[in-house]
Amino acid sequence: QAEYLDPALQGFRLQGSEYVEKPMVSGRLPSDVLGLHFEASGEDLRLFDPATGRWLLTPQEVREQAADTATELDRTTARLNQTAAKLDQLTAERDQAIADRQRLEAEMAELRRRIGPSLS
């Protein structure tokens, strides 16, 4: 396009029976319908959202972001699984300590019962 169009990015709007050229805004071509701006970026056409001041992601950027998100989700899931396993281990240790304490209390009560009359 850039070889025969000057400028390379142009836009027109039908008004009545004629096409009228749309003016560029900050080097971008605004779309009244989309509320976005088009901008040539090398061989690509990028979309810019003037309301947020940010570029819309390209399909490749969306794929990369999704892959990054999936990787982070995998890491978070692994940490959650490790934490759950540690919690299970600590719960089992606590339960064992409670059982040991109850057993020792029962043994002490039995010893007191046996020794009690002989000390009098």
Protein backbone atom coordinates (compact mmCIF):
# COMPACT_ATOMS: atom_id res chain seq x y z
CA GLN A 1 0.00 0.00 0.00
CA ALA A 2 2.71 2.47 0.97
CA GLU A 3 4.20 2.18 -2.51
CA TYR A 4 1.26 3.84 -4.21
CA LEU A 5 -0.74 5.57 -1.46
CA ASP A 6 0.36 8.82 0.10
CA PRO A 7 -0.32 8.74 2.98
CA ALA A 8 -0.31 4.95 3.25
CA LEU A 9 -3.33 4.95 5.59
CA GLN A 10 -6.41 6.73 4.32
CA GLY A 11 -10.06 6.64 5.25
CA PHE A 12 -13.23 7.85 3.63
CA ARG A 13 -16.80 8.25 4.80
CA LEU A 14 -19.86 8.25 2.58
CA GLN A 15 -21.76 11.49 2.90
CA GLY A 16 -24.79 11.56 0.68
CA SER A 17 -23.60 10.20 -2.62
CA GLU A 18 -19.92 11.15 -2.24
CA TYR A 19 -16.98 9.80 -0.30
CA VAL A 20 -15.27 12.39 1.84
CA GLU A 21 -11.74 11.86 3.17
CA LYS A 22 -11.48 11.48 6.96
CA PRO A 23 -8.82 13.57 8.66
CA MET A 24 -6.00 11.90 10.60
CA VAL A 25 -5.74 12.50 14.35
CA SER A 26 -2.21 12.27 15.82
CA GLY A 27 -1.11 10.11 12.90
CA ARG A 28 -4.09 7.80 13.35
CA LEU A 29 -7.30 7.32 11.45
CA PRO A 30 -10.31 7.48 13.80
CA SER A 31 -13.32 5.23 13.34
CA ASP A 32 -16.58 6.83 14.42
CA VAL A 33 -18.29 3.43 14.36
CA LEU A 34 -15.74 1.55 16.49
CA GLY A 35 -14.58 4.43 18.66
CA LEU A 36 -11.04 3.25 17.94
CA HIS A 37 -8.17 4.64 15.89
CA PHE A 38 -6.34 2.77 13.14
CA GLU A 39 -2.59 3.20 12.75
CA ALA A 40 -0.18 1.68 10.27
CA SER A 41 2.61 -0.20 12.03
CA GLY A 42 4.98 -1.49 9.40
CA GLU A 43 2.96 -3.95 7.36
CA ASP A 44 0.34 -4.28 10.07
CA LEU A 45 -2.71 -2.24 10.98
CA ARG A 46 -2.96 -1.62 14.72
CA LEU A 47 -5.98 -0.49 16.73
CA PHE A 48 -5.64 2.18 19.39
CA ASP A 49 -8.28 2.96 22.01
CA PRO A 50 -8.19 6.72 22.67
CA ALA A 51 -10.48 6.30 25.70
CA THR A 52 -7.88 4.21 27.53
CA GLY A 53 -4.79 5.47 25.74
CA ARG A 54 -3.78 1.87 25.02
CA TRP A 55 -3.23 -0.31 22.00
CA LEU A 56 -5.53 -3.28 21.51
CA LEU A 57 -3.57 -6.50 21.61
CA THR A 58 -2.71 -8.24 18.37
CA PRO A 59 -3.71 -11.90 18.04
CA GLN A 60 -0.07 -12.88 18.67
CA GLU A 61 0.05 -10.71 21.80
CA VAL A 62 -3.21 -12.29 23.02
CA ARG A 63 -1.71 -15.77 22.52
CA GLU A 64 1.48 -14.80 24.35
CA GLN A 65 -0.47 -13.24 27.21
CA ALA A 66 -2.66 -16.35 27.45
CA ALA A 67 0.44 -18.57 27.53
CA ASP A 68 1.99 -16.41 30.25
CA THR A 69 -1.25 -16.53 32.23
CA ALA A 70 -1.45 -20.31 31.86
CA THR A 71 2.15 -20.66 33.05
CA GLU A 72 1.50 -18.46 36.07
CA LEU A 73 -1.69 -20.42 36.79
CA ASP A 74 0.31 -23.67 36.68
CA ARG A 75 2.87 -22.21 39.12
CA THR A 76 0.13 -20.98 41.44
CA THR A 77 -1.63 -24.35 41.31
CA ALA A 78 1.62 -26.13 42.16
CA ARG A 79 2.18 -23.80 45.14
CA LEU A 80 -1.42 -24.35 46.26
CA ASN A 81 -0.97 -28.13 46.04
CA GLN A 82 2.25 -27.91 48.07
CA THR A 83 0.48 -25.79 50.68
CA ALA A 84 -2.43 -28.23 50.83
CA ALA A 85 -0.03 -31.16 51.27
CA LYS A 86 1.79 -29.31 54.08
CA LEU A 87 -1.57 -28.54 55.72
CA ASP A 88 -2.53 -32.21 55.51
CA GLN A 89 0.81 -33.17 57.09
CA LEU A 90 0.42 -30.62 59.91
CA THR A 91 -3.17 -31.72 60.52
CA ALA A 92 -2.06 -35.35 60.80
CA GLU A 93 0.73 -34.36 63.21
CA ARG A 94 -1.73 -32.34 65.30
CA ASP A 95 -4.19 -35.24 65.39
CA GLN A 96 -1.37 -37.58 66.46
CA ALA A 97 -0.30 -35.16 69.20
CA ILE A 98 -3.90 -34.96 70.47
CA ALA A 99 -4.15 -38.76 70.50
CA ASP A 100 -0.80 -39.04 72.31
CA ARG A 101 -1.90 -36.49 74.91
CA GLN A 102 -5.20 -38.31 75.49
CA ARG A 103 -3.35 -41.62 75.85
CA LEU A 104 -0.88 -40.12 78.34
CA GLU A 105 -3.67 -38.48 80.34
CA ALA A 106 -5.44 -41.83 80.53
CA GLU A 107 -2.22 -43.55 81.66
CA MET A 108 -1.67 -40.85 84.32
CA ALA A 109 -5.23 -41.23 85.55
CA GLU A 110 -4.75 -44.98 85.78
CA LEU A 111 -1.45 -44.55 87.68
CA ARG A 112 -3.08 -42.09 90.09
CA ARG A 113 -5.90 -44.55 90.66
CA ARG A 114 -3.45 -47.36 91.43
CA ILE A 115 -1.05 -45.31 93.54
CA GLY A 116 -3.67 -43.27 95.30
CA PRO A 117 -4.80 -45.84 97.92
CA SER A 118 -1.26 -47.01 98.69
CA LEU A 119 -0.03 -43.49 99.55
CA SER A 120 -2.66 -43.03 102.26
